[in-house]
């Protein structure tokens, strides 16, 4: 299998960096936007902790997968996990555009 041309690699890396930065930022900002004030700190901390656990698991599994499956299947699986996470986030996350914090958090009030 041949190597990808350098301009293609640069474009793909820049796309990855752009989307990765967006979703990483949302881990810190979005929970504070949609959770009620009473649990906002706990919710934001929980989201950050879960993201760290996921990063740790990924850091452990990536070399194992590269060794056993090779780079192609490993990258396809990583892309699948990223796509599934993005689709799940879009499906489950409420839209907060144009809402105050109180309005955005109203769906979680008990």
PDB file of N, CA and C in Angstrom:
ATOM      1  N   UNK A   1       0.849  -1.169   0.000  1.00  0.00           N
ATOM      2  CA  UNK A   1       0.000   0.000   0.000  1.00  0.00           C
ATOM      3  C   UNK A   1       0.895   1.232   0.000  1.00  0.00           C
ATOM      4  N   UNK A   2       0.605   2.210  -0.862  1.00  0.00           N
ATOM      5  CA  UNK A   2       1.421   3.415  -0.976  1.00  0.00           C
ATOM      6  C   UNK A   2       1.119   4.430   0.117  1.00  0.00           C
ATOM      7  N   UNK A   3       2.004   5.388   0.208  1.00  0.00           N
ATOM      8  CA  UNK A   3       1.816   6.449   1.205  1.00  0.00           C
ATOM      9  C   UNK A   3       0.904   7.534   0.642  1.00  0.00           C
ATOM     10  N   UNK A   4       0.185   8.194   1.523  1.00  0.00           N
ATOM     11  CA  UNK A   4      -0.688   9.297   1.110  1.00  0.00           C
ATOM     12  C   UNK A   4       0.177  10.511   0.777  1.00  0.00           C
ATOM     13  N   UNK A   5      -0.242  11.320  -0.202  1.00  0.00           N
ATOM     14  CA  UNK A   5       0.520  12.533  -0.531  1.00  0.00           C
ATOM     15  C   UNK A   5       0.532  13.512   0.645  1.00  0.00           C
ATOM     16  N   UNK A   6       1.628  14.215   0.822  1.00  0.00           N
ATOM     17  CA  UNK A   6       1.776  15.131   1.956  1.00  0.00           C
ATOM     18  C   UNK A   6       0.667  16.181   2.048  1.00  0.00           C
ATOM     19  N   UNK A   7       0.231  16.817   0.958  1.00  0.00           N
ATOM     20  CA  UNK A   7      -0.864  17.799   1.097  1.00  0.00           C
ATOM     21  C   UNK A   7      -2.148  17.176   1.644  1.00  0.00           C
ATOM     22  N   UNK A   8      -2.439  15.937   1.247  1.00  0.00           N
ATOM     23  CA  UNK A   8      -3.630  15.259   1.767  1.00  0.00           C
ATOM     24  C   UNK A   8      -3.502  15.019   3.263  1.00  0.00           C
ATOM     25  N   UNK A   9      -2.326  14.589   3.704  1.00  0.00           N
ATOM     26  CA  UNK A   9      -2.107  14.362   5.125  1.00  0.00           C
ATOM     27  C   UNK A   9      -2.266  15.655   5.919  1.00  0.00           C
ATOM     28  N   UNK A  10      -1.757  16.745   5.382  1.00  0.00           N
ATOM     29  CA  UNK A  10      -1.874  18.030   6.067  1.00  0.00           C
ATOM     30  C   UNK A  10      -3.338  18.448   6.186  1.00  0.00           C
ATOM     31  N   UNK A  11      -4.085  18.326   5.116  1.00  0.00           N
ATOM     32  CA  UNK A  11      -5.502  18.694   5.137  1.00  0.00           C
ATOM     33  C   UNK A  11      -6.270  17.818   6.129  1.00  0.00           C
ATOM     34  N   UNK A  12      -6.031  16.525   6.100  1.00  0.00           N
ATOM     35  CA  UNK A  12      -6.726  15.629   7.023  1.00  0.00           C
ATOM     36  C   UNK A  12      -6.342  15.910   8.470  1.00  0.00           C
ATOM     37  N   UNK A  13      -5.069  16.198   8.731  1.00  0.00           N
ATOM     38  CA  UNK A  13      -4.642  16.523  10.088  1.00  0.00           C
ATOM     39  C   UNK A  13      -5.286  17.818  10.567  1.00  0.00           C
ATOM     40  N   UNK A  14      -5.362  18.819   9.704  1.00  0.00           N
ATOM     41  CA  UNK A  14      -5.996  20.086  10.080  1.00  0.00           C
ATOM     42  C   UNK A  14      -7.487  19.891  10.349  1.00  0.00           C
ATOM     43  N   UNK A  15      -8.154  19.076   9.551  1.00  0.00           N
ATOM     44  CA  UNK A  15      -9.573  18.782   9.795  1.00  0.00           C
ATOM     45  C   UNK A  15      -9.749  18.083  11.144  1.00  0.00           C
ATOM     46  N   UNK A  16      -8.912  17.093  11.399  1.00  0.00           N
ATOM     47  CA  UNK A  16      -8.975  16.385  12.674  1.00  0.00           C
ATOM     48  C   UNK A  16      -8.766  17.351  13.836  1.00  0.00           C
ATOM     49  N   UNK A  17      -7.761  18.202  13.729  1.00  0.00           N
ATOM     50  CA  UNK A  17      -7.456  19.151  14.807  1.00  0.00           C
ATOM     51  C   UNK A  17      -8.618  20.102  15.053  1.00  0.00           C
ATOM     52  N   UNK A  18      -9.253  20.576  13.986  1.00  0.00           N
ATOM     53  CA  UNK A  18     -10.380  21.500  14.110  1.00  0.00           C
ATOM     54  C   UNK A  18     -11.544  20.842  14.858  1.00  0.00           C
ATOM     55  N   UNK A  19     -11.942  19.659  14.421  1.00  0.00           N
ATOM     56  CA  UNK A  19     -13.080  18.995  15.052  1.00  0.00           C
ATOM     57  C   UNK A  19     -12.741  18.514  16.458  1.00  0.00           C
ATOM     58  N   UNK A  20     -11.524  18.048  16.660  1.00  0.00           N
ATOM     59  CA  UNK A  20     -11.102  17.609  17.989  1.00  0.00           C
ATOM     60  C   UNK A  20     -11.132  18.776  18.974  1.00  0.00           C
ATOM     61  N   UNK A  21     -10.655  19.922  18.560  1.00  0.00           N
ATOM     62  CA  UNK A  21     -10.672  21.104  19.432  1.00  0.00           C
ATOM     63  C   UNK A  21     -12.108  21.500  19.771  1.00  0.00           C
ATOM     64  N   UNK A  22     -12.992  21.416  18.804  1.00  0.00           N
ATOM     65  CA  UNK A  22     -14.396  21.768  19.048  1.00  0.00           C
ATOM     66  C   UNK A  22     -15.048  20.865  20.077  1.00  0.00           C
ATOM     67  N   UNK A  23     -14.882  19.566  19.925  1.00  0.00           N
ATOM     68  CA  UNK A  23     -15.515  18.642  20.861  1.00  0.00           C
ATOM     69  C   UNK A  23     -14.838  18.662  22.223  1.00  0.00           C
ATOM     70  N   UNK A  24     -13.531  18.870  22.264  1.00  0.00           N
ATOM     71  CA  UNK A  24     -12.859  18.970  23.564  1.00  0.00           C
ATOM     72  C   UNK A  24     -13.315  20.211  24.317  1.00  0.00           C
ATOM     73  N   UNK A  25     -13.531  21.302  23.615  1.00  0.00           N
ATOM     74  CA  UNK A  25     -14.021  22.517  24.252  1.00  0.00           C
ATOM     75  C   UNK A  25     -15.420  22.302  24.807  1.00  0.00           C
ATOM     76  N   UNK A  26     -16.245  21.585  24.068  1.00  0.00           N
ATOM     77  CA  UNK A  26     -17.615  21.338  24.520  1.00  0.00           C
ATOM     78  C   UNK A  26     -17.672  20.546  25.814  1.00  0.00           C
ATOM     79  N   UNK A  27     -16.676  19.708  26.066  1.00  0.00           N
ATOM     80  CA  UNK A  27     -16.644  18.942  27.311  1.00  0.00           C
ATOM     81  C   UNK A  27     -16.634  19.870  28.522  1.00  0.00           C
ATOM     82  N   UNK A  28     -15.993  21.016  28.395  1.00  0.00           N
ATOM     83  CA  UNK A  28     -15.895  21.956  29.506  1.00  0.00           C
ATOM     84  C   UNK A  28     -17.034  22.978  29.522  1.00  0.00           C
ATOM     85  N   UNK A  29     -17.496  23.400  28.384  1.00  0.00           N
ATOM     86  CA  UNK A  29     -18.474  24.481  28.303  1.00  0.00           C
ATOM     87  C   UNK A  29     -19.908  23.979  28.366  1.00  0.00           C
ATOM     88  N   UNK A  30     -20.234  22.960  27.632  1.00  0.00           N
ATOM     89  CA  UNK A  30     -21.619  22.545  27.456  1.00  0.00           C
ATOM     90  C   UNK A  30     -22.299  22.092  28.749  1.00  0.00           C
ATOM     91  N   UNK A  31     -21.663  21.264  29.602  1.00  0.00           N
ATOM     92  CA  UNK A  31     -22.355  20.866  30.844  1.00  0.00           C
ATOM     93  C   UNK A  31     -22.742  22.061  31.718  1.00  0.00           C
ATOM     94  N   UNK A  32     -21.895  23.074  31.765  1.00  0.00           N
ATOM     95  CA  UNK A  32     -22.214  24.262  32.541  1.00  0.00           C
ATOM     96  C   UNK A  32     -23.360  25.054  31.951  1.00  0.00           C
ATOM     97  N   UNK A  33     -23.599  24.857  30.679  1.00  0.00           N
ATOM     98  CA  UNK A  33     -24.677  25.573  30.001  1.00  0.00           C
ATOM     99  C   UNK A  33     -26.029  24.899  30.195  1.00  0.00           C
ATOM    100  N   UNK A  34     -26.060  23.586  30.282  1.00  0.00           N
ATOM    101  CA  UNK A  34     -27.342  22.880  30.286  1.00  0.00           C
ATOM    102  C   UNK A  34     -27.760  22.336  31.648  1.00  0.00           C
ATOM    103  N   UNK A  35     -26.864  22.361  32.619  1.00  0.00           N
ATOM    104  CA  UNK A  35     -27.214  21.810  33.929  1.00  0.00           C
ATOM    105  C   UNK A  35     -27.675  22.904  34.877  1.00  0.00           C
ATOM    106  N   UNK A  36     -28.604  22.582  35.776  1.00  0.00           N
ATOM    107  CA  UNK A  36     -29.054  23.564  36.760  1.00  0.00           C
ATOM    108  C   UNK A  36     -27.896  23.994  37.667  1.00  0.00           C
ATOM    109  N   UNK A  37     -28.003  25.181  38.213  1.00  0.00           N
ATOM    110  CA  UNK A  37     -26.943  25.753  39.043  1.00  0.00           C
ATOM    111  C   UNK A  37     -26.555  24.830  40.193  1.00  0.00           C
ATOM    112  N   UNK A  38     -27.510  24.153  40.801  1.00  0.00           N
ATOM    113  CA  UNK A  38     -27.227  23.273  41.940  1.00  0.00           C
ATOM    114  C   UNK A  38     -26.202  22.193  41.620  1.00  0.00           C
ATOM    115  N   UNK A  39     -26.242  21.664  40.412  1.00  0.00           N
ATOM    116  CA  UNK A  39     -25.356  20.552  40.069  1.00  0.00           C
ATOM    117  C   UNK A  39     -24.375  20.892  38.946  1.00  0.00           C
ATOM    118  N   UNK A  40     -24.284  22.156  38.591  1.00  0.00           N
ATOM    119  CA  UNK A  40     -23.433  22.564  37.465  1.00  0.00           C
ATOM    120  C   UNK A  40     -21.975  22.168  37.675  1.00  0.00           C
ATOM    121  N   UNK A  41     -21.435  22.413  38.864  1.00  0.00           N
ATOM    122  CA  UNK A  41     -20.038  22.069  39.136  1.00  0.00           C
ATOM    123  C   UNK A  41     -19.798  20.570  39.095  1.00  0.00           C
ATOM    124  N   UNK A  42     -20.709  19.817  39.683  1.00  0.00           N
ATOM    125  CA  UNK A  42     -20.586  18.354  39.686  1.00  0.00           C
ATOM    126  C   UNK A  42     -20.690  17.812  38.259  1.00  0.00           C
ATOM    127  N   UNK A  43     -21.642  18.325  37.501  1.00  0.00           N
ATOM    128  CA  UNK A  43     -21.825  17.859  36.124  1.00  0.00           C
ATOM    129  C   UNK A  43     -20.636  18.156  35.239  1.00  0.00           C
ATOM    130  N   UNK A  44     -20.077  19.359  35.385  1.00  0.00           N
ATOM    131  CA  UNK A  44     -18.906  19.723  34.593  1.00  0.00           C
ATOM    132  C   UNK A  44     -17.716  18.854  34.992  1.00  0.00           C
ATOM    133  N   UNK A  45     -17.545  18.640  36.293  1.00  0.00           N
ATOM    134  CA  UNK A  45     -16.458  17.775  36.762  1.00  0.00           C
ATOM    135  C   UNK A  45     -16.628  16.337  36.296  1.00  0.00           C
ATOM    136  N   UNK A  46     -17.867  15.841  36.319  1.00  0.00           N
ATOM    137  CA  UNK A  46     -18.135  14.481  35.858  1.00  0.00           C
ATOM    138  C   UNK A  46     -17.808  14.343  34.374  1.00  0.00           C
ATOM    139  N   UNK A  47     -18.214  15.321  33.560  1.00  0.00           N
ATOM    140  CA  UNK A  47     -17.922  15.274  32.123  1.00  0.00           C
ATOM    141  C   UNK A  47     -16.416  15.272  31.876  1.00  0.00           C
ATOM    142  N   UNK A  48     -15.685  16.095  32.625  1.00  0.00           N
ATOM    143  CA  UNK A  48     -14.225  16.130  32.474  1.00  0.00           C
ATOM    144  C   UNK A  48     -13.603  14.807  32.897  1.00  0.00           C
ATOM    145  N   UNK A  49     -14.099  14.227  33.989  1.00  0.00           N
ATOM    146  CA  UNK A  49     -13.548  12.956  34.473  1.00  0.00           C
ATOM    147  C   UNK A  49     -13.793  11.830  33.468  1.00  0.00           C
ATOM    148  N   UNK A  50     -15.005  11.771  32.923  1.00  0.00           N
ATOM    149  CA  UNK A  50     -15.314  10.731  31.945  1.00  0.00           C
ATOM    150  C   UNK A  50     -14.442  10.893  30.707  1.00  0.00           C
ATOM    151  N   UNK A  51     -14.204  12.134  30.285  1.00  0.00           N
ATOM    152  CA  UNK A  51     -13.342  12.338  29.114  1.00  0.00           C
ATOM    153  C   UNK A  51     -11.920  11.876  29.398  1.00  0.00           C
ATOM    154  N   UNK A  52     -11.446  12.063  30.634  1.00  0.00           N
ATOM    155  CA  UNK A  52     -10.090  11.610  30.993  1.00  0.00           C
ATOM    156  C   UNK A  52     -10.010  10.093  31.033  1.00  0.00           C
ATOM    157  N   UNK A  53     -11.061   9.459  31.540  1.00  0.00           N
ATOM    158  CA  UNK A  53     -11.090   7.993  31.558  1.00  0.00           C
ATOM    159  C   UNK A  53     -11.057   7.465  30.121  1.00  0.00           C
ATOM    160  N   UNK A  54     -11.858   8.063  29.252  1.00  0.00           N
ATOM    161  CA  UNK A  54     -11.854   7.661  27.842  1.00  0.00           C
ATOM    162  C   UNK A  54     -10.496   7.860  27.188  1.00  0.00           C
ATOM    163  N   UNK A  55      -9.841   8.960  27.502  1.00  0.00           N
ATOM    164  CA  UNK A  55      -8.504   9.216  26.948  1.00  0.00           C
ATOM    165  C   UNK A  55      -7.510   8.181  27.458  1.00  0.00           C
ATOM    166  N   UNK A  56      -7.616   7.823  28.736  1.00  0.00           N
ATOM    167  CA  UNK A  56      -6.720   6.806  29.292  1.00  0.00           C
ATOM    168  C   UNK A  56      -6.920   5.445  28.646  1.00  0.00           C
ATOM    169  N   UNK A  57      -8.175   5.069  28.465  1.00  0.00           N
ATOM    170  CA  UNK A  57      -8.475   3.784  27.822  1.00  0.00           C
ATOM    171  C   UNK A  57      -7.959   3.781  26.389  1.00  0.00           C
ATOM    172  N   UNK A  58      -8.187   4.879  25.677  1.00  0.00           N
ATOM    173  CA  UNK A  58      -7.708   4.979  24.302  1.00  0.00           C
ATOM    174  C   UNK A  58      -6.190   4.918  24.216  1.00  0.00           C
ATOM    175  N   UNK A  59      -5.511   5.563  25.162  1.00  0.00           N
ATOM    176  CA  UNK A  59      -4.053   5.550  25.185  1.00  0.00           C
ATOM    177  C   UNK A  59      -3.531   4.132  25.419  1.00  0.00           C
ATOM    178  N   UNK A  60      -4.224   3.362  26.226  1.00  0.00           N
ATOM    179  CA  UNK A  60      -3.824   1.977  26.478  1.00  0.00           C
ATOM    180  C   UNK A  60      -4.140   1.084  25.273  1.00  0.00           C
ATOM    181  N   UNK A  61      -5.332   1.244  24.680  1.00  0.00           N
ATOM    182  CA  UNK A  61      -5.770   0.336  23.625  1.00  0.00           C
ATOM    183  C   UNK A  61      -5.152   0.610  22.255  1.00  0.00           C
ATOM    184  N   UNK A  62      -4.744   1.841  21.994  1.00  0.00           N
ATOM    185  CA  UNK A  62      -4.202   2.159  20.671  1.00  0.00           C
ATOM    186  C   UNK A  62      -2.982   1.311  20.317  1.00  0.00           C
ATOM    187  N   UNK A  63      -1.951   1.242  21.161  1.00  0.00           N
ATOM    188  CA  UNK A  63      -0.809   0.407  20.775  1.00  0.00           C
ATOM    189  C   UNK A  63      -1.156  -1.082  20.683  1.00  0.00           C
ATOM    190  N   UNK A  64      -2.074  -1.546  21.523  1.00  0.00           N
ATOM    191  CA  UNK A  64      -2.493  -2.946  21.462  1.00  0.00           C
ATOM    192  C   UNK A  64      -3.154  -3.226  20.122  1.00  0.00           C
ATOM    193  N   UNK A  65      -4.039  -2.332  19.708  1.00  0.00           N
ATOM    194  CA  UNK A  65      -4.730  -2.494  18.436  1.00  0.00           C
ATOM    195  C   UNK A  65      -3.770  -2.365  17.253  1.00  0.00           C
ATOM    196  N   UNK A  66      -2.847  -1.420  17.332  1.00  0.00           N
ATOM    197  CA  UNK A  66      -1.868  -1.254  16.245  1.00  0.00           C
ATOM    198  C   UNK A  66      -1.024  -2.525  16.089  1.00  0.00           C
ATOM    199  N   UNK A  67      -0.653  -3.117  17.197  1.00  0.00           N
ATOM    200  CA  UNK A  67       0.170  -4.334  17.177  1.00  0.00           C
ATOM    201  C   UNK A  67      -0.605  -5.526  16.620  1.00  0.00           C
ATOM    202  N   UNK A  68      -1.852  -5.673  17.049  1.00  0.00           N
ATOM    203  CA  UNK A  68      -2.627  -6.861  16.680  1.00  0.00           C
ATOM    204  C   UNK A  68      -3.413  -6.734  15.379  1.00  0.00           C
ATOM    205  N   UNK A  69      -3.907  -5.526  15.073  1.00  0.00           N
ATOM    206  CA  UNK A  69      -4.754  -5.343  13.890  1.00  0.00           C
ATOM    207  C   UNK A  69      -4.077  -4.585  12.758  1.00  0.00           C
ATOM    208  N   UNK A  70      -3.106  -3.756  13.104  1.00  0.00           N
ATOM    209  CA  UNK A  70      -2.449  -2.928  12.102  1.00  0.00           C
ATOM    210  C   UNK A  70      -3.035  -1.528  12.074  1.00  0.00           C
ATOM    211  N   UNK A  71      -2.344  -0.614  11.381  1.00  0.00           N
ATOM    212  CA  UNK A  71      -2.779   0.784  11.395  1.00  0.00           C
ATOM    213  C   UNK A  71      -4.103   1.048  10.674  1.00  0.00           C
ATOM    214  N   UNK A  72      -4.356   0.386   9.563  1.00  0.00           N
ATOM    215  CA  UNK A  72      -5.588   0.635   8.805  1.00  0.00           C
ATOM    216  C   UNK A  72      -6.843   0.334   9.604  1.00  0.00           C
ATOM    217  N   UNK A  73      -7.004  -0.902  10.074  1.00  0.00           N
ATOM    218  CA  UNK A  73      -8.195  -1.223  10.869  1.00  0.00           C
ATOM    219  C   UNK A  73      -8.295  -0.405  12.161  1.00  0.00           C
ATOM    220  N   UNK A  74      -7.141  -0.130  12.772  1.00  0.00           N
ATOM    221  CA  UNK A  74      -7.156   0.657  14.005  1.00  0.00           C
ATOM    222  C   UNK A  74      -7.699   2.055  13.746  1.00  0.00           C
ATOM    223  N   UNK A  75      -7.253   2.700  12.693  1.00  0.00           N
ATOM    224  CA  UNK A  75      -7.723   4.052  12.381  1.00  0.00           C
ATOM    225  C   UNK A  75      -9.187   4.045  11.970  1.00  0.00           C
ATOM    226  N   UNK A  76      -9.616   2.994  11.283  1.00  0.00           N
ATOM    227  CA  UNK A  76     -11.043   2.903  10.930  1.00  0.00           C
ATOM    228  C   UNK A  76     -11.905   2.734  12.177  1.00  0.00           C
ATOM    229  N   UNK A  77     -11.425   1.936  13.125  1.00  0.00           N
ATOM    230  CA  UNK A  77     -12.176   1.784  14.376  1.00  0.00           C
ATOM    231  C   UNK A  77     -12.203   3.096  15.151  1.00  0.00           C
ATOM    232  N   UNK A  78     -11.083   3.802  15.188  1.00  0.00           N
ATOM    233  CA  UNK A  78     -11.034   5.093  15.885  1.00  0.00           C
ATOM    234  C   UNK A  78     -11.977   6.088  15.228  1.00  0.00           C
ATOM    235  N   UNK A  79     -12.006   6.096  13.900  1.00  0.00           N
ATOM    236  CA  UNK A  79     -12.924   6.986  13.188  1.00  0.00           C
ATOM    237  C   UNK A  79     -14.373   6.611  13.484  1.00  0.00           C
ATOM    238  N   UNK A  80     -14.658   5.315  13.571  1.00  0.00           N
ATOM    239  CA  UNK A  80     -16.010   4.861  13.893  1.00  0.00           C
ATOM    240  C   UNK A  80     -16.446   5.296  15.288  1.00  0.00           C
ATOM    241  N   UNK A  81     -15.531   5.190  16.250  1.00  0.00           N
ATOM    242  CA  UNK A  81     -15.846   5.624  17.617  1.00  0.00           C
ATOM    243  C   UNK A  81     -16.090   7.137  17.641  1.00  0.00           C
ATOM    244  N   UNK A  82     -15.240   7.886  16.939  1.00  0.00           N
ATOM    245  CA  UNK A  82     -15.414   9.345  16.885  1.00  0.00           C
ATOM    246  C   UNK A  82     -16.737   9.713  16.219  1.00  0.00           C
ATOM    247  N   UNK A  83     -17.072   9.034  15.127  1.00  0.00           N
ATOM    248  CA  UNK A  83     -18.333   9.312  14.434  1.00  0.00           C
ATOM    249  C   UNK A  83     -19.528   8.966  15.324  1.00  0.00           C
ATOM    250  N   UNK A  84     -19.464   7.819  16.001  1.00  0.00           N
ATOM    251  CA  UNK A  84     -20.561   7.422  16.884  1.00  0.00           C
ATOM    252  C   UNK A  84     -20.733   8.433  18.018  1.00  0.00           C
ATOM    253  N   UNK A  85     -19.632   8.895  18.595  1.00  0.00           N
ATOM    254  CA  UNK A  85     -19.703   9.895  19.662  1.00  0.00           C
ATOM    255  C   UNK A  85     -20.294  11.207  19.174  1.00  0.00           C
ATOM    256  N   UNK A  86     -19.891  11.633  17.974  1.00  0.00           N
ATOM    257  CA  UNK A  86     -20.421  12.876  17.415  1.00  0.00           C
ATOM    258  C   UNK A  86     -21.918  12.741  17.126  1.00  0.00           C
ATOM    259  N   UNK A  87     -22.319  11.613  16.549  1.00  0.00           N
ATOM    260  CA  UNK A  87     -23.732  11.407  16.227  1.00  0.00           C
ATOM    261  C   UNK A  87     -24.575  11.338  17.505  1.00  0.00           C
ATOM    262  N   UNK A  88     -24.078  10.642  18.512  1.00  0.00           N
ATOM    263  CA  UNK A  88     -24.797  10.540  19.783  1.00  0.00           C
ATOM    264  C   UNK A  88     -24.929  11.905  20.450  1.00  0.00           C
ATOM    265  N   UNK A  89     -23.874  12.689  20.396  1.00  0.00           N
ATOM    266  CA  UNK A  89     -23.910  14.037  20.977  1.00  0.00           C
ATOM    267  C   UNK A  89     -24.931  14.922  20.263  1.00  0.00           C
ATOM    268  N   UNK A  90     -24.939  14.859  18.939  1.00  0.00           N
ATOM    269  CA  UNK A  90     -25.891  15.665  18.184  1.00  0.00           C
ATOM    270  C   UNK A  90     -27.323  15.229  18.463  1.00  0.00           C
ATOM    271  N   UNK A  91     -27.533  13.962  18.649  1.00  0.00           N
ATOM    272  CA  UNK A  91     -28.880  13.432  18.869  1.00  0.00           C
ATOM    273  C   UNK A  91     -29.382  13.757  20.272  1.00  0.00           C
ATOM    274  N   UNK A  92     -28.540  13.589  21.296  1.00  0.00           N
ATOM    275  CA  UNK A  92     -29.000  13.716  22.674  1.00  0.00           C
ATOM    276  C   UNK A  92     -28.862  15.117  23.267  1.00  0.00           C
ATOM    277  N   UNK A  93     -27.950  15.915  22.767  1.00  0.00           N
ATOM    278  CA  UNK A  93     -27.678  17.217  23.373  1.00  0.00           C
ATOM    279  C   UNK A  93     -28.712  18.254  22.944  1.00  0.00           C
ATOM    280  N   UNK A  94     -29.353  18.918  23.916  1.00  0.00           N
ATOM    281  CA  UNK A  94     -30.339  19.944  23.563  1.00  0.00           C
ATOM    282  C   UNK A  94     -29.661  21.193  22.991  1.00  0.00           C
ATOM    283  N   UNK A  95     -30.351  21.881  22.116  1.00  0.00           N
ATOM    284  CA  UNK A  95     -29.844  23.129  21.531  1.00  0.00           C
ATOM    285  C   UNK A  95     -29.994  24.258  22.544  1.00  0.00           C
ATOM    286  N   UNK A  96     -28.944  25.036  22.754  1.00  0.00           N
ATOM    287  CA  UNK A  96     -28.982  26.126  23.734  1.00  0.00           C
ATOM    288  C   UNK A  96     -28.871  27.498  23.096  1.00  0.00           C
ATOM    289  N   UNK A  97     -28.810  27.553  21.782  1.00  0.00           N
ATOM    290  CA  UNK A  97     -28.649  28.836  21.099  1.00  0.00           C
ATOM    291  C   UNK A  97     -29.827  29.759  21.397  1.00  0.00           C
ATOM    292  N   UNK A  98     -29.506  30.979  21.822  1.00  0.00           N
ATOM    293  CA  UNK A  98     -30.529  31.978  22.093  1.00  0.00           C
ATOM    294  C   UNK A  98     -31.252  31.799  23.418  1.00  0.00           C
ATOM    295  N   UNK A  99     -30.806  30.872  24.259  1.00  0.00           N
ATOM    296  CA  UNK A  99     -31.456  30.638  25.553  1.00  0.00           C
ATOM    297  C   UNK A  99     -30.572  31.150  26.686  1.00  0.00           C
ATOM    298  N   UNK A 100     -31.191  31.600  27.754  1.00  0.00           N
ATOM    299  CA  UNK A 100     -30.430  31.953  28.946  1.00  0.00           C
ATOM    300  C   UNK A 100     -30.020  30.656  29.647  1.00  0.00           C
ATOM    301  N   UNK A 101     -29.115  30.756  30.626  1.00  0.00           N
ATOM    302  CA  UNK A 101     -28.707  29.566  31.371  1.00  0.00           C
ATOM    303  C   UNK A 101     -29.895  28.912  32.071  1.00  0.00           C
ATOM    304  N   UNK A 102     -30.794  29.727  32.591  1.00  0.00           N
ATOM    305  CA  UNK A 102     -31.976  29.199  33.272  1.00  0.00           C
ATOM    306  C   UNK A 102     -32.866  28.428  32.303  1.00  0.00           C
ATOM    307  N   UNK A 103     -33.089  28.992  31.123  1.00  0.00           N
ATOM    308  CA  UNK A 103     -33.910  28.317  30.117  1.00  0.00           C
ATOM    309  C   UNK A 103     -33.250  27.028  29.624  1.00  0.00           C
ATOM    310  N   UNK A 104     -31.930  27.076  29.408  1.00  0.00           N
ATOM    311  CA  UNK A 104     -31.206  25.903  28.912  1.00  0.00           C
ATOM    312  C   UNK A 104     -31.241  24.769  29.941  1.00  0.00           C
ATOM    313  N   UNK A 105     -31.173  25.099  31.212  1.00  0.00           N
ATOM    314  CA  UNK A 105     -31.147  24.098  32.273  1.00  0.00           C
ATOM    315  C   UNK A 105     -32.536  23.626  32.679  1.00  0.00           C
ATOM    316  N   UNK A 106     -33.589  24.265  32.173  1.00  0.00           N
ATOM    317  CA  UNK A 106     -34.949  23.940  32.597  1.00  0.00           C
ATOM    318  C   UNK A 106     -35.325  22.491  32.312  1.00  0.00           C
ATOM    319  N   UNK A 107     -34.765  21.890  31.275  1.00  0.00           N
ATOM    320  CA  UNK A 107     -35.092  20.510  30.934  1.00  0.00           C
ATOM    321  C   UNK A 107     -34.577  19.509  31.953  1.00  0.00           C
ATOM    322  N   UNK A 108     -33.633  19.936  32.798  1.00  0.00           N
ATOM    323  CA  UNK A 108     -33.042  19.029  33.787  1.00  0.00           C
ATOM    324  C   UNK A 108     -33.580  19.252  35.182  1.00  0.00           C
ATOM    325  N   UNK A 109     -34.410  20.281  35.366  1.00  0.00           N
ATOM    326  CA  UNK A 109     -34.947  20.571  36.706  1.00  0.00           C
ATOM    327  C   UNK A 109     -35.883  19.456  37.139  1.00  0.00           C
ATOM    328  N   UNK A 110     -35.798  19.078  38.402  1.00  0.00           N
ATOM    329  CA  UNK A 110     -36.639  18.008  38.932  1.00  0.00           C
ATOM    330  C   UNK A 110     -37.556  18.553  39.976  1.00  0.00           C
TER     331      UNK A 110
END
